């Protein structure tokens, strides 16, 4: 029974994550990103299910967990008092 999983090349991973290859290499060394697989002498790829799991983990691990998310403050319209904008 063969396990089927799709391999993503570096360009696809960058499009999905927004992280360039140099930053990904650093993150792999630090254990912060899934390790790639060497496909050939000059090519590496990532397992799609590992990238998706990593993204899902980031979604669940957000630092913003407040009930009330930030919203822009109300904008006050300038008023004139004695010819001066206040």
Protein backbone atom coordinates (compact mmCIF):
# COMPACT_ATOMS: atom_id res chain seq x y z
CA UNK A 1 0.00 0.00 0.00
CA UNK A 2 1.64 3.23 -1.17
CA UNK A 3 1.12 6.50 0.63
CA UNK A 4 0.31 9.26 -1.81
CA UNK A 5 1.31 12.77 -0.94
CA UNK A 6 2.10 15.67 -3.20
CA UNK A 7 5.51 17.33 -3.25
CA UNK A 8 5.70 21.12 -3.51
CA UNK A 9 8.68 22.84 -5.09
CA UNK A 10 10.31 25.87 -3.49
CA UNK A 11 8.37 28.37 -5.59
CA UNK A 12 5.03 26.85 -4.60
CA UNK A 13 5.98 26.86 -0.92
CA UNK A 14 6.99 30.51 -1.15
CA UNK A 15 3.67 31.39 -2.80
CA UNK A 16 1.68 29.58 -0.11
CA UNK A 17 3.66 30.73 2.95
CA UNK A 18 5.12 34.05 1.82
CA UNK A 19 8.51 32.99 3.22
CA UNK A 20 11.50 33.06 0.89
CA UNK A 21 13.92 30.15 0.63
CA UNK A 22 16.68 31.78 2.69
CA UNK A 23 14.34 32.40 5.61
CA UNK A 24 12.92 28.88 5.26
CA UNK A 25 16.43 27.38 5.43
CA UNK A 26 17.11 29.30 8.61
CA UNK A 27 13.76 28.19 10.07
CA UNK A 28 14.48 24.54 9.16
CA UNK A 29 17.85 24.73 10.95
CA UNK A 30 16.11 26.17 14.02
CA UNK A 31 13.37 23.52 13.91
CA UNK A 32 10.67 26.08 13.10
CA UNK A 33 9.69 24.79 9.63
CA UNK A 34 9.25 21.32 8.08
CA UNK A 35 12.40 19.87 6.54
CA UNK A 36 12.57 19.50 2.76
CA UNK A 37 13.25 16.26 0.89
CA UNK A 38 16.06 15.98 -1.64
CA UNK A 39 14.40 14.90 -4.90
CA UNK A 40 17.54 15.02 -7.02
CA UNK A 41 21.06 16.39 -6.90
CA UNK A 42 19.87 19.99 -7.46
CA UNK A 43 16.25 19.90 -6.39
CA UNK A 44 14.47 19.84 -3.05
CA UNK A 45 10.75 19.73 -2.32
CA UNK A 46 8.39 19.82 0.64
CA UNK A 47 5.52 17.49 1.49
CA UNK A 48 2.27 19.36 0.96
CA UNK A 49 0.58 17.81 3.99
CA UNK A 50 3.45 18.97 6.25
CA UNK A 51 3.25 22.53 4.88
CA UNK A 52 -0.53 22.57 5.37
CA UNK A 53 -0.14 21.24 8.92
CA UNK A 54 2.47 23.93 9.63
CA UNK A 55 0.12 26.63 8.32
CA UNK A 56 -2.75 25.26 10.40
CA UNK A 57 -0.52 25.29 13.47
CA UNK A 58 0.31 28.95 12.80
CA UNK A 59 -3.41 29.70 12.51
CA UNK A 60 -4.13 28.04 15.86
CA UNK A 61 -1.08 29.61 17.51
CA UNK A 62 -1.83 33.22 16.74
CA UNK A 63 -0.70 35.79 19.24
CA UNK A 64 -4.00 37.65 18.75
CA UNK A 65 -6.43 35.80 20.96
CA UNK A 66 -8.31 38.75 22.40
CA UNK A 67 -12.08 38.83 22.24
CA UNK A 68 -12.04 42.38 20.90
CA UNK A 69 -9.74 42.72 17.94
CA UNK A 70 -8.11 46.04 17.24
CA UNK A 71 -10.23 48.51 15.36
CA UNK A 72 -9.23 51.94 14.16
CA UNK A 73 -10.21 54.79 16.46
CA UNK A 74 -13.07 57.01 15.48
CA UNK A 75 -11.93 59.78 13.25
CA UNK A 76 -12.81 63.22 14.51
CA UNK A 77 -13.65 65.81 11.95
CA UNK A 78 -11.73 69.07 12.30
CA UNK A 79 -13.74 72.00 13.59
CA UNK A 80 -13.17 75.71 13.38
CA UNK A 81 -12.96 77.88 16.49
CA UNK A 82 -12.25 81.56 15.97
CA UNK A 83 -10.84 80.77 12.49
CA UNK A 84 -8.42 78.13 13.82
CA UNK A 85 -8.73 74.43 13.00
CA UNK A 86 -8.96 72.41 16.20
